[in-house]
């Protein structure tokens, strides 16, 4: 769904509008993913405002959402020119590309199962033993342990906050309790 996005700076008498088809934000109204499309100058003004920590407003069907960029993370911006003066920019938090262990964000495409995407991210990032049949169990267990939560917005993004030690302990407990085993089952 396409929604209007705008940024207003009353002190500088600036008001720009464009559109968004994808965004994700946390409980503090900090966005971590934002897709902006529209006239070249409007899109550039909005993304420049984002980078300089200005507040943006998304006019959603149900409400107006005021968002800002978290000051302690940097963003990457990708651009694609669409022709006739139109531009598409994607603003993505550095947490989608973490360099060290700890907090990370995981984007789930529309046609994918969240438990599979999260499980794949865990397997790729941590050196813990994990069988594909554990995907559902691990997904639910991480949510129960508050190590995995879903961000708000109109796209599916999960925030994973865990350590290798915590994953080892969860898997060990799962094996001891019989919740998971070493026989690979069809899932």
C-alpha atoms as a PDB file:
ATOM      1  CA  UNK A   1       0.000   0.000   0.000  1.00  0.00           C
ATOM      2  CA  UNK A   2       1.315   3.438  -0.933  1.00  0.00           C
ATOM      3  CA  UNK A   3       1.076   6.112   1.762  1.00  0.00           C
ATOM      4  CA  UNK A   4       1.963   9.784   1.757  1.00  0.00           C
ATOM      5  CA  UNK A   5       5.113  10.837   3.588  1.00  0.00           C
ATOM      6  CA  UNK A   6       5.998  14.416   4.407  1.00  0.00           C
ATOM      7  CA  UNK A   7       8.533  16.539   6.197  1.00  0.00           C
ATOM      8  CA  UNK A   8       7.911  20.063   7.423  1.00  0.00           C
ATOM      9  CA  UNK A   9      10.410  22.539   8.836  1.00  0.00           C
ATOM     10  CA  UNK A  10       8.459  25.598   9.948  1.00  0.00           C
ATOM     11  CA  UNK A  11      11.596  27.549  10.889  1.00  0.00           C
ATOM     12  CA  UNK A  12      12.895  27.295   7.320  1.00  0.00           C
ATOM     13  CA  UNK A  13       9.433  27.410   5.697  1.00  0.00           C
ATOM     14  CA  UNK A  14       9.942  24.005   4.058  1.00  0.00           C
ATOM     15  CA  UNK A  15       7.262  21.408   3.347  1.00  0.00           C
ATOM     16  CA  UNK A  16       7.899  18.444   1.048  1.00  0.00           C
ATOM     17  CA  UNK A  17       5.798  15.400   0.209  1.00  0.00           C
ATOM     18  CA  UNK A  18       6.471  12.061  -1.439  1.00  0.00           C
ATOM     19  CA  UNK A  19       5.189   8.483  -1.023  1.00  0.00           C
ATOM     20  CA  UNK A  20       6.263   5.370   0.819  1.00  0.00           C
ATOM     21  CA  UNK A  21       5.449   1.747   0.099  1.00  0.00           C
ATOM     22  CA  UNK A  22       7.465   0.247   2.941  1.00  0.00           C
ATOM     23  CA  UNK A  23       8.571   1.207   6.434  1.00  0.00           C
ATOM     24  CA  UNK A  24       9.415  -0.383   9.775  1.00  0.00           C
ATOM     25  CA  UNK A  25       9.803   1.345  13.140  1.00  0.00           C
ATOM     26  CA  UNK A  26      10.142   0.494  16.818  1.00  0.00           C
ATOM     27  CA  UNK A  27       8.170   1.278  19.975  1.00  0.00           C
ATOM     28  CA  UNK A  28      10.005   4.609  20.287  1.00  0.00           C
ATOM     29  CA  UNK A  29       8.911   5.720  16.793  1.00  0.00           C
ATOM     30  CA  UNK A  30      12.421   5.342  15.398  1.00  0.00           C
ATOM     31  CA  UNK A  31      12.398   4.006  11.876  1.00  0.00           C
ATOM     32  CA  UNK A  32      14.857   1.374  10.632  1.00  0.00           C
ATOM     33  CA  UNK A  33      13.653   0.904   7.082  1.00  0.00           C
ATOM     34  CA  UNK A  34      11.969   3.439   4.820  1.00  0.00           C
ATOM     35  CA  UNK A  35      11.203   3.350   1.107  1.00  0.00           C
ATOM     36  CA  UNK A  36      10.551   6.809  -0.407  1.00  0.00           C
ATOM     37  CA  UNK A  37       9.394   7.482  -3.973  1.00  0.00           C
ATOM     38  CA  UNK A  38       8.333  10.646  -5.732  1.00  0.00           C
ATOM     39  CA  UNK A  39       9.712  13.728  -7.427  1.00  0.00           C
ATOM     40  CA  UNK A  40      13.511  13.808  -7.315  1.00  0.00           C
ATOM     41  CA  UNK A  41      13.810  16.958  -5.193  1.00  0.00           C
ATOM     42  CA  UNK A  42      11.135  15.866  -2.681  1.00  0.00           C
ATOM     43  CA  UNK A  43      12.681  12.445  -2.129  1.00  0.00           C
ATOM     44  CA  UNK A  44      16.158  13.913  -1.691  1.00  0.00           C
ATOM     45  CA  UNK A  45      14.830  16.514   0.775  1.00  0.00           C
ATOM     46  CA  UNK A  46      13.055  13.867   2.850  1.00  0.00           C
ATOM     47  CA  UNK A  47      16.039  11.504   2.970  1.00  0.00           C
ATOM     48  CA  UNK A  48      18.381  14.414   3.758  1.00  0.00           C
ATOM     49  CA  UNK A  49      16.032  15.349   6.581  1.00  0.00           C
ATOM     50  CA  UNK A  50      16.096  11.780   7.825  1.00  0.00           C
ATOM     51  CA  UNK A  51      19.890  11.712   7.856  1.00  0.00           C
ATOM     52  CA  UNK A  52      19.922  14.978   9.840  1.00  0.00           C
ATOM     53  CA  UNK A  53      17.399  13.522  12.366  1.00  0.00           C
ATOM     54  CA  UNK A  54      14.352  15.527  11.309  1.00  0.00           C
ATOM     55  CA  UNK A  55      10.922  14.135  12.084  1.00  0.00           C
ATOM     56  CA  UNK A  56       8.921  12.778   9.167  1.00  0.00           C
ATOM     57  CA  UNK A  57       5.200  12.060   9.033  1.00  0.00           C
ATOM     58  CA  UNK A  58       3.559   9.109   7.333  1.00  0.00           C
ATOM     59  CA  UNK A  59      -0.122   9.603   6.622  1.00  0.00           C
ATOM     60  CA  UNK A  60      -1.460   6.098   7.097  1.00  0.00           C
ATOM     61  CA  UNK A  61      -5.122   5.187   6.603  1.00  0.00           C
ATOM     62  CA  UNK A  62      -5.663   4.666  10.303  1.00  0.00           C
ATOM     63  CA  UNK A  63      -3.358   7.332  11.766  1.00  0.00           C
ATOM     64  CA  UNK A  64      -0.558   9.797  11.189  1.00  0.00           C
ATOM     65  CA  UNK A  65       2.779   8.389  12.306  1.00  0.00           C
ATOM     66  CA  UNK A  66       5.632  10.693  13.341  1.00  0.00           C
ATOM     67  CA  UNK A  67       9.021   9.007  12.969  1.00  0.00           C
ATOM     68  CA  UNK A  68      12.654   9.940  13.361  1.00  0.00           C
ATOM     69  CA  UNK A  69      15.955   8.196  12.864  1.00  0.00           C
ATOM     70  CA  UNK A  70      17.685   6.871  15.995  1.00  0.00           C
ATOM     71  CA  UNK A  71      20.659   9.164  16.579  1.00  0.00           C
ATOM     72  CA  UNK A  72      22.976   6.321  17.620  1.00  0.00           C
ATOM     73  CA  UNK A  73      22.729   4.359  14.334  1.00  0.00           C
ATOM     74  CA  UNK A  74      23.713   5.327  10.841  1.00  0.00           C
ATOM     75  CA  UNK A  75      21.697   4.642   7.716  1.00  0.00           C
ATOM     76  CA  UNK A  76      22.560   3.502   4.228  1.00  0.00           C
ATOM     77  CA  UNK A  77      20.711   5.016   1.282  1.00  0.00           C
ATOM     78  CA  UNK A  78      20.188   3.297  -2.078  1.00  0.00           C
ATOM     79  CA  UNK A  79      18.821   5.237  -5.033  1.00  0.00           C
ATOM     80  CA  UNK A  80      17.198   4.305  -8.326  1.00  0.00           C
ATOM     81  CA  UNK A  81      16.044   6.845 -10.902  1.00  0.00           C
ATOM     82  CA  UNK A  82      12.634   5.940 -12.291  1.00  0.00           C
ATOM     83  CA  UNK A  83      12.553   8.443 -15.163  1.00  0.00           C
ATOM     84  CA  UNK A  84      10.575  11.638 -15.729  1.00  0.00           C
ATOM     85  CA  UNK A  85      12.016  13.236 -12.613  1.00  0.00           C
ATOM     86  CA  UNK A  86      11.006  10.414 -10.280  1.00  0.00           C
ATOM     87  CA  UNK A  87      13.361   8.867  -7.735  1.00  0.00           C
ATOM     88  CA  UNK A  88      13.141   5.870  -5.405  1.00  0.00           C
ATOM     89  CA  UNK A  89      15.376   5.820  -2.330  1.00  0.00           C
ATOM     90  CA  UNK A  90      15.628   3.135   0.304  1.00  0.00           C
ATOM     91  CA  UNK A  91      16.912   4.211   3.733  1.00  0.00           C
ATOM     92  CA  UNK A  92      18.112   1.220   5.753  1.00  0.00           C
ATOM     93  CA  UNK A  93      19.595   1.060   9.251  1.00  0.00           C
ATOM     94  CA  UNK A  94      23.097  -0.289   9.742  1.00  0.00           C
ATOM     95  CA  UNK A  95      21.508  -2.969  11.963  1.00  0.00           C
ATOM     96  CA  UNK A  96      20.513  -4.894   8.827  1.00  0.00           C
ATOM     97  CA  UNK A  97      24.274  -5.299   8.172  1.00  0.00           C
ATOM     98  CA  UNK A  98      25.815  -5.846  11.608  1.00  0.00           C
ATOM     99  CA  UNK A  99      29.571  -6.252  11.901  1.00  0.00           C
ATOM    100  CA  UNK A 100      29.544  -7.767  15.358  1.00  0.00           C
ATOM    101  CA  UNK A 101      27.336 -10.114  17.301  1.00  0.00           C
ATOM    102  CA  UNK A 102      24.368  -8.694  19.188  1.00  0.00           C
ATOM    103  CA  UNK A 103      21.339  -6.818  17.917  1.00  0.00           C
ATOM    104  CA  UNK A 104      20.371  -7.223  14.265  1.00  0.00           C
ATOM    105  CA  UNK A 105      17.353  -6.594  12.077  1.00  0.00           C
ATOM    106  CA  UNK A 106      15.886  -9.223   9.773  1.00  0.00           C
ATOM    107  CA  UNK A 107      13.653  -8.321   6.815  1.00  0.00           C
ATOM    108  CA  UNK A 108      11.041 -10.941   5.871  1.00  0.00           C
ATOM    109  CA  UNK A 109       9.824 -10.781   2.249  1.00  0.00           C
ATOM    110  CA  UNK A 110       6.053 -11.078   1.738  1.00  0.00           C
ATOM    111  CA  UNK A 111       6.190 -14.586   0.280  1.00  0.00           C
ATOM    112  CA  UNK A 112       8.471 -16.039   2.989  1.00  0.00           C
ATOM    113  CA  UNK A 113       7.695 -17.642   6.351  1.00  0.00           C
ATOM    114  CA  UNK A 114       9.064 -15.518   9.228  1.00  0.00           C
ATOM    115  CA  UNK A 115      10.262 -18.555  11.188  1.00  0.00           C
ATOM    116  CA  UNK A 116      12.336 -19.769   8.213  1.00  0.00           C
ATOM    117  CA  UNK A 117      13.911 -16.371   7.506  1.00  0.00           C
ATOM    118  CA  UNK A 118      14.788 -15.789  11.183  1.00  0.00           C
ATOM    119  CA  UNK A 119      16.170 -19.324  11.499  1.00  0.00           C
ATOM    120  CA  UNK A 120      18.337 -18.832   8.410  1.00  0.00           C
ATOM    121  CA  UNK A 121      19.681 -15.549   9.818  1.00  0.00           C
ATOM    122  CA  UNK A 122      20.532 -17.256  13.134  1.00  0.00           C
ATOM    123  CA  UNK A 123      22.314 -20.128  11.363  1.00  0.00           C
ATOM    124  CA  UNK A 124      24.292 -17.739   9.155  1.00  0.00           C
ATOM    125  CA  UNK A 125      25.349 -15.466  11.985  1.00  0.00           C
ATOM    126  CA  UNK A 126      25.970 -17.774  14.947  1.00  0.00           C
ATOM    127  CA  UNK A 127      27.959 -20.986  15.148  1.00  0.00           C
ATOM    128  CA  UNK A 128      25.372 -22.982  17.064  1.00  0.00           C
ATOM    129  CA  UNK A 129      24.104 -26.421  16.101  1.00  0.00           C
ATOM    130  CA  UNK A 130      20.690 -26.094  14.488  1.00  0.00           C
ATOM    131  CA  UNK A 131      18.548 -28.385  12.381  1.00  0.00           C
ATOM    132  CA  UNK A 132      15.942 -27.085   9.952  1.00  0.00           C
ATOM    133  CA  UNK A 133      13.207 -28.843  11.911  1.00  0.00           C
ATOM    134  CA  UNK A 134      13.964 -26.549  14.871  1.00  0.00           C
ATOM    135  CA  UNK A 135      12.939 -23.374  12.969  1.00  0.00           C
ATOM    136  CA  UNK A 136       9.459 -23.068  14.491  1.00  0.00           C
ATOM    137  CA  UNK A 137      10.610 -23.982  17.992  1.00  0.00           C
ATOM    138  CA  UNK A 138      13.539 -21.543  17.893  1.00  0.00           C
ATOM    139  CA  UNK A 139      11.358 -18.744  16.508  1.00  0.00           C
ATOM    140  CA  UNK A 140       8.771 -19.136  19.293  1.00  0.00           C
ATOM    141  CA  UNK A 141      11.389 -19.627  22.018  1.00  0.00           C
ATOM    142  CA  UNK A 142      13.283 -16.467  21.014  1.00  0.00           C
ATOM    143  CA  UNK A 143      10.001 -14.526  21.149  1.00  0.00           C
ATOM    144  CA  UNK A 144       9.159 -15.950  24.598  1.00  0.00           C
ATOM    145  CA  UNK A 145      12.640 -15.033  25.857  1.00  0.00           C
ATOM    146  CA  UNK A 146      12.132 -11.488  24.477  1.00  0.00           C
ATOM    147  CA  UNK A 147      15.176 -11.945  22.247  1.00  0.00           C
ATOM    148  CA  UNK A 148      13.019 -11.529  19.120  1.00  0.00           C
ATOM    149  CA  UNK A 149      10.334  -8.943  18.499  1.00  0.00           C
ATOM    150  CA  UNK A 150       8.558  -7.642  15.448  1.00  0.00           C
ATOM    151  CA  UNK A 151       8.851  -3.983  14.520  1.00  0.00           C
ATOM    152  CA  UNK A 152       5.793  -1.940  13.575  1.00  0.00           C
ATOM    153  CA  UNK A 153       5.083  -0.762  10.046  1.00  0.00           C
ATOM    154  CA  UNK A 154       3.761  -2.095   6.778  1.00  0.00           C
ATOM    155  CA  UNK A 155       6.630  -4.516   6.100  1.00  0.00           C
ATOM    156  CA  UNK A 156       7.760  -7.432   8.262  1.00  0.00           C
ATOM    157  CA  UNK A 157      10.997  -6.802  10.147  1.00  0.00           C
ATOM    158  CA  UNK A 158      12.191  -8.617  13.261  1.00  0.00           C
ATOM    159  CA  UNK A 159      14.757  -7.359  15.767  1.00  0.00           C
ATOM    160  CA  UNK A 160      16.973 -10.132  17.136  1.00  0.00           C
ATOM    161  CA  UNK A 161      18.884  -9.380  20.334  1.00  0.00           C
ATOM    162  CA  UNK A 162      20.782 -12.426  21.491  1.00  0.00           C
ATOM    163  CA  UNK A 163      24.223 -13.900  22.017  1.00  0.00           C
ATOM    164  CA  UNK A 164      25.821 -17.168  21.100  1.00  0.00           C
ATOM    165  CA  UNK A 165      25.791 -18.112  24.785  1.00  0.00           C
ATOM    166  CA  UNK A 166      22.039 -17.479  25.058  1.00  0.00           C
ATOM    167  CA  UNK A 167      21.376 -19.528  21.912  1.00  0.00           C
ATOM    168  CA  UNK A 168      23.529 -22.389  23.227  1.00  0.00           C
ATOM    169  CA  UNK A 169      21.605 -22.350  26.515  1.00  0.00           C
ATOM    170  CA  UNK A 170      18.202 -22.280  24.760  1.00  0.00           C
ATOM    171  CA  UNK A 171      19.127 -25.168  22.463  1.00  0.00           C
ATOM    172  CA  UNK A 172      20.578 -27.186  25.347  1.00  0.00           C
ATOM    173  CA  UNK A 173      17.397 -26.650  27.375  1.00  0.00           C
ATOM    174  CA  UNK A 174      15.270 -27.566  24.350  1.00  0.00           C
ATOM    175  CA  UNK A 175      17.149 -30.837  23.876  1.00  0.00           C
ATOM    176  CA  UNK A 176      17.046 -31.691  27.598  1.00  0.00           C
ATOM    177  CA  UNK A 177      13.324 -31.023  27.787  1.00  0.00           C
ATOM    178  CA  UNK A 178      12.643 -33.046  24.640  1.00  0.00           C
ATOM    179  CA  UNK A 179      11.199 -30.039  22.803  1.00  0.00           C
ATOM    180  CA  UNK A 180      13.720 -30.567  20.010  1.00  0.00           C
ATOM    181  CA  UNK A 181      15.847 -33.532  18.975  1.00  0.00           C
ATOM    182  CA  UNK A 182      18.532 -34.547  16.548  1.00  0.00           C
ATOM    183  CA  UNK A 183      16.269 -36.392  14.120  1.00  0.00           C
ATOM    184  CA  UNK A 184      15.604 -34.178  11.095  1.00  0.00           C
ATOM    185  CA  UNK A 185      11.869 -34.162  10.458  1.00  0.00           C
ATOM    186  CA  UNK A 186       9.968 -32.836   7.482  1.00  0.00           C
ATOM    187  CA  UNK A 187       8.610 -29.437   8.388  1.00  0.00           C
END
